[in-house]
Amino acid sequence: MLAISLGGIVDHLNLIKLCVGADSVEDLLDWHRAHAHVWAKGTTEHVTRMWPKREAEILSGGSLYWIIKGTVQARQRIVGLAARQGGDGINRCALVLDAEVIRTEHAPRRPFQGWRYLTAEDAPRDLPKGRALDDALPPELAQALAEIGLR
């Protein structure tokens, strides 16, 4: 999906973030199932402190890529941004995500705080549907393969 800006056609932009507390994609899915009653049907949310300045590019087809145990392993399509106020009175941004978690090729990433922009060109490819449920490689092997470009 593309967005039109004053300068012409703009490709979508993604976000990338650590999936803190998860050891696997299954942990992320379990967390979503446990909290599904809080969100609109077919969505999940991740609340973050900062509102993306490049909102239009993100909402034109971007995804949130999840880093789990040092590698990108999955993504969720971003379907909206919504204001949320925490119990402390601080305004935050809810990344409203499609509930479908799409597994990606593993791509190593160093830890960082918050989220970062991720261009479409730098994003790992989705795994083919038939491979999404393959037994996961041990994290060390998956990371080593990703580092040399074989996974």
N, C-alpha and C. Protein backbone atom coordinates (compact mmCIF):
# COMPACT_ATOMS: atom_id res chain seq x y z
N MET A 1 0.84 -1.17 0.00
CA MET A 1 0.00 0.00 0.00
C MET A 1 0.89 1.23 0.00
N LEU A 2 0.52 2.26 -0.73
CA LEU A 2 1.30 3.49 -0.83
C LEU A 2 0.46 4.67 -0.38
N ALA A 3 1.15 5.70 0.11
CA ALA A 3 0.47 6.94 0.48
C ALA A 3 0.95 8.04 -0.44
N ILE A 4 0.09 9.00 -0.68
CA ILE A 4 0.46 10.14 -1.51
C ILE A 4 0.81 11.31 -0.58
N SER A 5 1.94 11.95 -0.84
CA SER A 5 2.32 13.15 -0.09
C SER A 5 2.53 14.27 -1.09
N LEU A 6 2.79 15.46 -0.60
CA LEU A 6 3.02 16.59 -1.50
C LEU A 6 4.21 16.33 -2.42
N GLY A 7 5.17 15.56 -1.97
CA GLY A 7 6.36 15.28 -2.76
C GLY A 7 6.19 14.10 -3.71
N GLY A 8 5.04 13.44 -3.70
CA GLY A 8 4.84 12.30 -4.58
C GLY A 8 4.42 11.07 -3.80
N ILE A 9 4.77 9.90 -4.31
CA ILE A 9 4.39 8.64 -3.68
C ILE A 9 5.39 8.32 -2.58
N VAL A 10 4.86 7.91 -1.42
CA VAL A 10 5.69 7.57 -0.27
C VAL A 10 5.44 6.11 0.08
N ASP A 11 6.49 5.33 0.16
CA ASP A 11 6.37 3.93 0.57
C ASP A 11 6.07 3.88 2.06
N HIS A 12 5.52 2.78 2.52
CA HIS A 12 5.21 2.68 3.94
C HIS A 12 6.48 2.59 4.78
N LEU A 13 6.31 2.83 6.05
CA LEU A 13 7.39 2.80 7.02
C LEU A 13 6.95 1.91 8.17
N ASN A 14 7.87 1.14 8.70
CA ASN A 14 7.58 0.23 9.79
C ASN A 14 8.21 0.73 11.09
N LEU A 15 7.81 0.09 12.17
CA LEU A 15 8.45 0.30 13.47
C LEU A 15 9.05 -1.03 13.90
N ILE A 16 10.08 -0.96 14.73
CA ILE A 16 10.71 -2.16 15.26
C ILE A 16 10.88 -1.96 16.76
N LYS A 17 10.63 -3.02 17.55
CA LYS A 17 10.65 -2.89 19.00
C LYS A 17 11.01 -4.23 19.64
N LEU A 18 11.65 -4.14 20.81
CA LEU A 18 11.91 -5.35 21.59
C LEU A 18 10.60 -5.88 22.15
N CYS A 19 10.46 -7.18 22.14
CA CYS A 19 9.29 -7.83 22.74
C CYS A 19 9.73 -8.29 24.14
N VAL A 20 9.71 -7.36 25.07
CA VAL A 20 10.25 -7.59 26.41
C VAL A 20 9.44 -8.67 27.13
N GLY A 21 10.15 -9.62 27.72
CA GLY A 21 9.50 -10.67 28.51
C GLY A 21 9.12 -11.90 27.71
N ALA A 22 9.26 -11.86 26.40
CA ALA A 22 8.91 -13.01 25.56
C ALA A 22 10.16 -13.77 25.17
N ASP A 23 10.09 -15.08 25.27
CA ASP A 23 11.18 -15.94 24.83
C ASP A 23 10.92 -16.54 23.46
N SER A 24 9.69 -16.38 22.96
CA SER A 24 9.32 -16.96 21.68
C SER A 24 8.09 -16.24 21.13
N VAL A 25 7.79 -16.49 19.87
CA VAL A 25 6.57 -15.94 19.27
C VAL A 25 5.35 -16.50 20.02
N GLU A 26 5.44 -17.73 20.48
CA GLU A 26 4.32 -18.32 21.21
C GLU A 26 4.04 -17.55 22.50
N ASP A 27 5.09 -17.04 23.16
CA ASP A 27 4.89 -16.21 24.35
C ASP A 27 4.11 -14.94 24.00
N LEU A 28 4.44 -14.32 22.87
CA LEU A 28 3.71 -13.14 22.41
C LEU A 28 2.24 -13.49 22.15
N LEU A 29 2.00 -14.61 21.48
CA LEU A 29 0.63 -15.04 21.20
C LEU A 29 -0.13 -15.33 22.49
N ASP A 30 0.52 -15.95 23.46
CA ASP A 30 -0.13 -16.22 24.75
C ASP A 30 -0.52 -14.92 25.44
N TRP A 31 0.37 -13.92 25.40
CA TRP A 31 0.08 -12.63 26.03
C TRP A 31 -1.12 -11.98 25.34
N HIS A 32 -1.16 -12.07 24.01
CA HIS A 32 -2.30 -11.51 23.28
C HIS A 32 -3.60 -12.20 23.68
N ARG A 33 -3.57 -13.52 23.78
CA ARG A 33 -4.79 -14.26 24.16
C ARG A 33 -5.25 -13.85 25.56
N ALA A 34 -4.30 -13.66 26.47
CA ALA A 34 -4.64 -13.31 27.85
C ALA A 34 -5.24 -11.91 27.97
N HIS A 35 -4.93 -11.03 27.03
CA HIS A 35 -5.40 -9.65 27.12
C HIS A 35 -6.43 -9.29 26.05
N ALA A 36 -6.87 -10.25 25.26
CA ALA A 36 -7.76 -9.99 24.12
C ALA A 36 -9.06 -9.28 24.54
N HIS A 37 -9.52 -9.52 25.74
CA HIS A 37 -10.78 -8.93 26.18
C HIS A 37 -10.70 -7.40 26.33
N VAL A 38 -9.51 -6.84 26.33
CA VAL A 38 -9.31 -5.40 26.53
C VAL A 38 -9.40 -4.63 25.21
N TRP A 39 -9.13 -5.27 24.08
CA TRP A 39 -9.01 -4.60 22.80
C TRP A 39 -10.22 -4.84 21.92
N ALA A 40 -10.33 -4.00 20.89
CA ALA A 40 -11.38 -4.19 19.89
C ALA A 40 -11.15 -5.52 19.18
N LYS A 41 -12.22 -6.17 18.79
CA LYS A 41 -12.12 -7.48 18.13
C LYS A 41 -11.21 -7.39 16.90
N GLY A 42 -10.31 -8.37 16.77
CA GLY A 42 -9.41 -8.43 15.62
C GLY A 42 -8.17 -7.57 15.75
N THR A 43 -8.00 -6.92 16.92
CA THR A 43 -6.82 -6.08 17.13
C THR A 43 -6.12 -6.43 18.43
N THR A 44 -4.91 -5.97 18.55
CA THR A 44 -4.19 -5.93 19.81
C THR A 44 -3.61 -4.52 19.90
N GLU A 45 -3.09 -4.17 21.05
CA GLU A 45 -2.47 -2.86 21.19
C GLU A 45 -1.16 -2.99 21.93
N HIS A 46 -0.27 -2.10 21.58
CA HIS A 46 0.97 -1.95 22.35
C HIS A 46 1.09 -0.46 22.65
N VAL A 47 1.11 -0.11 23.93
CA VAL A 47 1.18 1.28 24.34
C VAL A 47 2.64 1.67 24.53
N THR A 48 3.00 2.78 23.92
CA THR A 48 4.36 3.28 23.97
C THR A 48 4.34 4.75 24.37
N ARG A 49 5.43 5.24 24.84
CA ARG A 49 5.47 6.60 25.36
C ARG A 49 5.44 7.66 24.26
N MET A 50 6.11 7.41 23.17
CA MET A 50 6.27 8.42 22.12
C MET A 50 5.31 8.18 20.95
N TRP A 51 4.79 9.27 20.41
CA TRP A 51 3.92 9.23 19.23
C TRP A 51 4.81 9.35 17.99
N PRO A 52 4.72 8.44 17.02
CA PRO A 52 5.56 8.55 15.82
C PRO A 52 5.27 9.83 15.04
N LYS A 53 6.31 10.55 14.69
CA LYS A 53 6.16 11.78 13.91
C LYS A 53 5.82 11.47 12.45
N ARG A 54 6.18 10.29 11.99
CA ARG A 54 5.95 9.91 10.59
C ARG A 54 4.70 9.03 10.47
N GLU A 55 3.65 9.49 11.13
CA GLU A 55 2.40 8.75 11.24
C GLU A 55 1.81 8.34 9.89
N ALA A 56 1.77 9.27 8.94
CA ALA A 56 1.15 8.96 7.64
C ALA A 56 1.86 7.80 6.95
N GLU A 57 3.18 7.76 7.03
CA GLU A 57 3.94 6.68 6.38
C GLU A 57 3.69 5.35 7.07
N ILE A 58 3.56 5.39 8.38
CA ILE A 58 3.31 4.16 9.15
C ILE A 58 1.92 3.62 8.84
N LEU A 59 0.93 4.53 8.79
CA LEU A 59 -0.45 4.10 8.56
C LEU A 59 -0.75 3.76 7.11
N SER A 60 0.24 3.89 6.23
CA SER A 60 0.02 3.54 4.82
C SER A 60 0.47 2.12 4.51
N GLY A 61 0.50 1.27 5.54
CA GLY A 61 0.83 -0.14 5.31
C GLY A 61 1.96 -0.66 6.17
N GLY A 62 2.38 0.10 7.17
CA GLY A 62 3.49 -0.31 8.03
C GLY A 62 3.11 -1.39 9.03
N SER A 63 4.15 -2.01 9.58
CA SER A 63 3.99 -3.05 10.58
C SER A 63 4.89 -2.77 11.77
N LEU A 64 4.58 -3.39 12.89
CA LEU A 64 5.46 -3.40 14.05
C LEU A 64 6.22 -4.72 14.01
N TYR A 65 7.54 -4.64 13.89
CA TYR A 65 8.39 -5.83 13.88
C TYR A 65 8.86 -6.09 15.29
N TRP A 66 8.71 -7.33 15.75
CA TRP A 66 9.04 -7.72 17.12
C TRP A 66 10.41 -8.40 17.17
N ILE A 67 11.28 -7.89 18.04
CA ILE A 67 12.58 -8.52 18.31
C ILE A 67 12.40 -9.40 19.54
N ILE A 68 12.65 -10.68 19.36
CA ILE A 68 12.51 -11.65 20.45
C ILE A 68 13.84 -12.37 20.59
N LYS A 69 14.42 -12.29 21.78
CA LYS A 69 15.71 -12.95 22.06
C LYS A 69 16.79 -12.56 21.05
N GLY A 70 16.87 -11.29 20.72
CA GLY A 70 17.95 -10.79 19.88
C GLY A 70 17.74 -10.89 18.38
N THR A 71 16.60 -11.43 17.94
CA THR A 71 16.33 -11.50 16.50
C THR A 71 14.89 -11.07 16.21
N VAL A 72 14.71 -10.41 15.09
CA VAL A 72 13.35 -10.13 14.62
C VAL A 72 12.75 -11.49 14.25
N GLN A 73 11.55 -11.76 14.75
CA GLN A 73 10.93 -13.05 14.47
C GLN A 73 9.50 -12.94 13.97
N ALA A 74 8.88 -11.77 14.14
CA ALA A 74 7.47 -11.64 13.78
C ALA A 74 7.12 -10.18 13.56
N ARG A 75 5.96 -9.98 12.96
CA ARG A 75 5.45 -8.63 12.76
C ARG A 75 3.94 -8.64 12.87
N GLN A 76 3.39 -7.45 13.13
CA GLN A 76 1.95 -7.23 13.11
C GLN A 76 1.69 -5.94 12.36
N ARG A 77 0.68 -5.95 11.49
CA ARG A 77 0.34 -4.76 10.72
C ARG A 77 -0.23 -3.69 11.65
N ILE A 78 0.22 -2.45 11.49
CA ILE A 78 -0.28 -1.33 12.28
C ILE A 78 -1.52 -0.80 11.58
N VAL A 79 -2.66 -0.83 12.28
CA VAL A 79 -3.92 -0.39 11.68
C VAL A 79 -4.38 0.96 12.22
N GLY A 80 -3.72 1.46 13.25
CA GLY A 80 -4.09 2.76 13.78
C GLY A 80 -3.19 3.20 14.91
N LEU A 81 -3.32 4.45 15.28
CA LEU A 81 -2.65 5.01 16.44
C LEU A 81 -3.74 5.66 17.28
N ALA A 82 -3.66 5.50 18.60
CA ALA A 82 -4.70 6.05 19.46
C ALA A 82 -4.07 6.63 20.73
N ALA A 83 -4.62 7.73 21.18
CA ALA A 83 -4.12 8.36 22.41
C ALA A 83 -4.60 7.55 23.62
N ARG A 84 -3.70 7.33 24.55
CA ARG A 84 -4.02 6.65 25.81
C ARG A 84 -3.36 7.44 26.93
N GLN A 85 -4.05 7.55 28.05
CA GLN A 85 -3.46 8.22 29.19
C GLN A 85 -3.22 7.18 30.27
N GLY A 86 -1.98 7.15 30.76
CA GLY A 86 -1.64 6.19 31.79
C GLY A 86 -2.20 6.61 33.15
N GLY A 87 -2.15 5.71 34.10
CA GLY A 87 -2.59 5.99 35.45
C GLY A 87 -1.82 7.14 36.09
N ASP A 88 -0.67 7.44 35.54
CA ASP A 88 0.15 8.53 36.05
C ASP A 88 -0.19 9.86 35.40
N GLY A 89 -1.21 9.88 34.51
CA GLY A 89 -1.63 11.10 33.87
C GLY A 89 -0.82 11.47 32.63
N ILE A 90 0.18 10.67 32.26
CA ILE A 90 1.01 10.95 31.11
C ILE A 90 0.34 10.40 29.85
N ASN A 91 0.28 11.24 28.80
CA ASN A 91 -0.28 10.81 27.52
C ASN A 91 0.69 9.88 26.82
N ARG A 92 0.14 8.84 26.18
CA ARG A 92 0.93 7.86 25.47
C ARG A 92 0.27 7.55 24.12
N CYS A 93 0.95 6.74 23.34
CA CYS A 93 0.45 6.33 22.03
C CYS A 93 0.22 4.82 22.02
N ALA A 94 -1.00 4.43 21.70
CA ALA A 94 -1.30 3.01 21.51
C ALA A 94 -1.10 2.69 20.04
N LEU A 95 -0.21 1.74 19.76
CA LEU A 95 -0.08 1.21 18.41
C LEU A 95 -1.18 0.16 18.29
N VAL A 96 -2.18 0.44 17.48
CA VAL A 96 -3.28 -0.50 17.29
C VAL A 96 -2.85 -1.44 16.17
N LEU A 97 -2.80 -2.73 16.50
CA LEU A 97 -2.23 -3.73 15.60
C LEU A 97 -3.28 -4.74 15.16
N ASP A 98 -3.14 -5.21 13.94
CA ASP A 98 -3.95 -6.34 13.50
C ASP A 98 -3.58 -7.51 14.40
N ALA A 99 -4.56 -8.29 14.82
CA ALA A 99 -4.30 -9.40 15.74
C ALA A 99 -3.43 -10.50 15.14
N GLU A 100 -3.40 -10.59 13.80
CA GLU A 100 -2.59 -11.63 13.16
C GLU A 100 -1.10 -11.35 13.35
N VAL A 101 -0.40 -12.34 13.88
CA VAL A 101 1.05 -12.26 14.04
C VAL A 101 1.67 -13.03 12.88
N ILE A 102 2.47 -12.35 12.08
CA ILE A 102 3.10 -12.94 10.90
C ILE A 102 4.56 -13.22 11.22
N ARG A 103 4.94 -14.47 11.10
CA ARG A 103 6.34 -14.82 11.38
C ARG A 103 7.23 -14.37 10.23
N THR A 104 8.42 -13.92 10.60
CA THR A 104 9.37 -13.43 9.61
C THR A 104 10.64 -14.25 9.66
N GLU A 105 11.47 -14.05 8.65
CA GLU A 105 12.81 -14.62 8.73
C GLU A 105 13.50 -13.98 9.92
N HIS A 106 14.36 -14.74 10.56
CA HIS A 106 15.09 -14.20 11.71
C HIS A 106 16.13 -13.22 11.21
N ALA A 107 16.22 -12.09 11.89
CA ALA A 107 17.21 -11.07 11.56
C ALA A 107 17.77 -10.53 12.87
N PRO A 108 19.07 -10.62 13.09
CA PRO A 108 19.64 -10.19 14.37
C PRO A 108 19.52 -8.68 14.57
N ARG A 109 19.26 -8.28 15.80
CA ARG A 109 19.19 -6.85 16.16
C ARG A 109 19.71 -6.68 17.58
N ARG A 110 20.46 -5.63 17.77
CA ARG A 110 20.95 -5.30 19.11
C ARG A 110 19.82 -4.66 19.92
N PRO A 111 19.89 -4.80 21.25
CA PRO A 111 18.84 -4.20 22.07
C PRO A 111 18.90 -2.67 22.06
N PHE A 112 17.76 -2.04 22.24
CA PHE A 112 17.63 -0.59 22.34
C PHE A 112 16.35 -0.31 23.12
N GLN A 113 16.20 0.92 23.58
CA GLN A 113 14.99 1.28 24.30
C GLN A 113 13.98 1.88 23.35
N GLY A 114 12.72 1.69 23.65
CA GLY A 114 11.65 2.27 22.83
C GLY A 114 11.51 1.56 21.50
N TRP A 115 11.11 2.30 20.50
CA TRP A 115 10.97 1.75 19.15
C TRP A 115 11.82 2.58 18.20
N ARG A 116 12.04 2.03 17.03
CA ARG A 116 12.80 2.72 15.98
C ARG A 116 12.02 2.56 14.67
N TYR A 117 12.27 3.48 13.73
CA TYR A 117 11.72 3.32 12.39
C TYR A 117 12.49 2.22 11.67
N LEU A 118 11.81 1.51 10.79
CA LEU A 118 12.41 0.45 9.99
C LEU A 118 11.85 0.58 8.58
N THR A 119 12.73 0.83 7.62
CA THR A 119 12.27 0.98 6.23
C THR A 119 11.83 -0.37 5.67
N ALA A 120 11.01 -0.32 4.66
CA ALA A 120 10.55 -1.54 4.01
C ALA A 120 11.73 -2.33 3.45
N GLU A 121 12.74 -1.62 2.94
CA GLU A 121 13.91 -2.29 2.36
C GLU A 121 14.73 -3.04 3.41
N ASP A 122 14.74 -2.55 4.64
CA ASP A 122 15.53 -3.17 5.71
C ASP A 122 14.76 -4.21 6.52
N ALA A 123 13.48 -4.34 6.25
CA ALA A 123 12.64 -5.27 7.02
C ALA A 123 12.86 -6.71 6.55
N PRO A 124 12.91 -7.66 7.50
CA PRO A 124 13.04 -9.07 7.08
C PRO A 124 11.78 -9.53 6.36
N ARG A 125 11.97 -10.49 5.47
CA ARG A 125 10.84 -11.04 4.71
C ARG A 125 9.97 -11.91 5.59
N ASP A 126 8.70 -11.99 5.21
CA ASP A 126 7.78 -12.90 5.87
C ASP A 126 8.17 -14.33 5.54
N LEU A 127 7.96 -15.23 6.47
CA LEU A 127 8.14 -16.65 6.17
C LEU A 127 6.96 -17.11 5.32
N PRO A 128 7.20 -18.02 4.38
CA PRO A 128 6.08 -18.57 3.62
C PRO A 128 5.09 -19.23 4.58
N LYS A 129 3.82 -19.18 4.25
CA LYS A 129 2.77 -19.72 5.14
C LYS A 129 3.08 -21.15 5.59
N GLY A 130 3.59 -21.97 4.71
CA GLY A 130 3.89 -23.35 5.06
C GLY A 130 5.01 -23.51 6.07
N ARG A 131 5.86 -22.50 6.19
CA ARG A 131 6.99 -22.57 7.12
C ARG A 131 6.70 -21.92 8.47
N ALA A 132 5.59 -21.22 8.57
CA ALA A 132 5.31 -20.46 9.79
C ALA A 132 5.21 -21.35 11.02
N LEU A 133 4.82 -22.61 10.84
CA LEU A 133 4.68 -23.49 11.99
C LEU A 133 5.80 -24.52 12.10
N ASP A 134 6.85 -24.35 11.29
CA ASP A 134 8.01 -25.25 11.41
C ASP A 134 8.56 -25.18 12.83
N ASP A 135 9.18 -26.27 13.24
CA ASP A 135 9.87 -26.24 14.52
C ASP A 135 10.91 -25.13 14.48
N ALA A 136 10.95 -24.36 15.54
CA ALA A 136 11.91 -23.26 15.60
C ALA A 136 13.32 -23.81 15.78
N LEU A 137 14.25 -23.17 15.12
CA LEU A 137 15.66 -23.52 15.33
C LEU A 137 16.07 -23.01 16.70
N PRO A 138 17.08 -23.64 17.29
CA PRO A 138 17.60 -23.07 18.54
C PRO A 138 18.01 -21.62 18.29
N PRO A 139 17.73 -20.70 19.23
CA PRO A 139 17.99 -19.27 19.00
C PRO A 139 19.41 -18.97 18.54
N GLU A 140 20.40 -19.68 19.09
CA GLU A 140 21.79 -19.41 18.71
C GLU A 140 22.03 -19.76 17.24
N LEU A 141 21.47 -20.87 16.79
CA LEU A 141 21.63 -21.29 15.40
C LEU A 141 20.89 -20.33 14.46
N ALA A 142 19.66 -19.96 14.83
CA ALA A 142 18.89 -19.02 14.01
C ALA A 142 19.62 -17.70 13.87
N GLN A 143 20.21 -17.22 14.96
CA GLN A 143 20.93 -15.95 14.90
C GLN A 143 22.18 -16.08 14.04
N ALA A 144 22.93 -17.18 14.19
CA ALA A 144 24.13 -17.38 13.40
C ALA A 144 23.80 -17.43 11.90
N LEU A 145 22.73 -18.14 11.55
CA LEU A 145 22.30 -18.21 10.15
C LEU A 145 21.89 -16.84 9.63
N ALA A 146 21.16 -16.08 10.47
CA ALA A 146 20.74 -14.74 10.05
C ALA A 146 21.94 -13.83 9.83
N GLU A 147 22.94 -13.95 10.65
CA GLU A 147 24.12 -13.09 10.54
C GLU A 147 24.88 -13.32 9.24
N ILE A 148 24.83 -14.54 8.73
CA ILE A 148 25.54 -14.81 7.48
C ILE A 148 24.59 -14.82 6.28
N GLY A 149 23.33 -14.44 6.54
CA GLY A 149 22.37 -14.27 5.46
C GLY A 149 21.73 -15.54 4.95
N LEU A 150 21.71 -16.58 5.75
CA LEU A 150 21.13 -17.86 5.30
C LEU A 150 19.76 -18.14 5.88
N ARG A 151 19.21 -17.26 6.65
CA ARG A 151 17.86 -17.49 7.18
C ARG A 151 17.08 -16.23 7.17
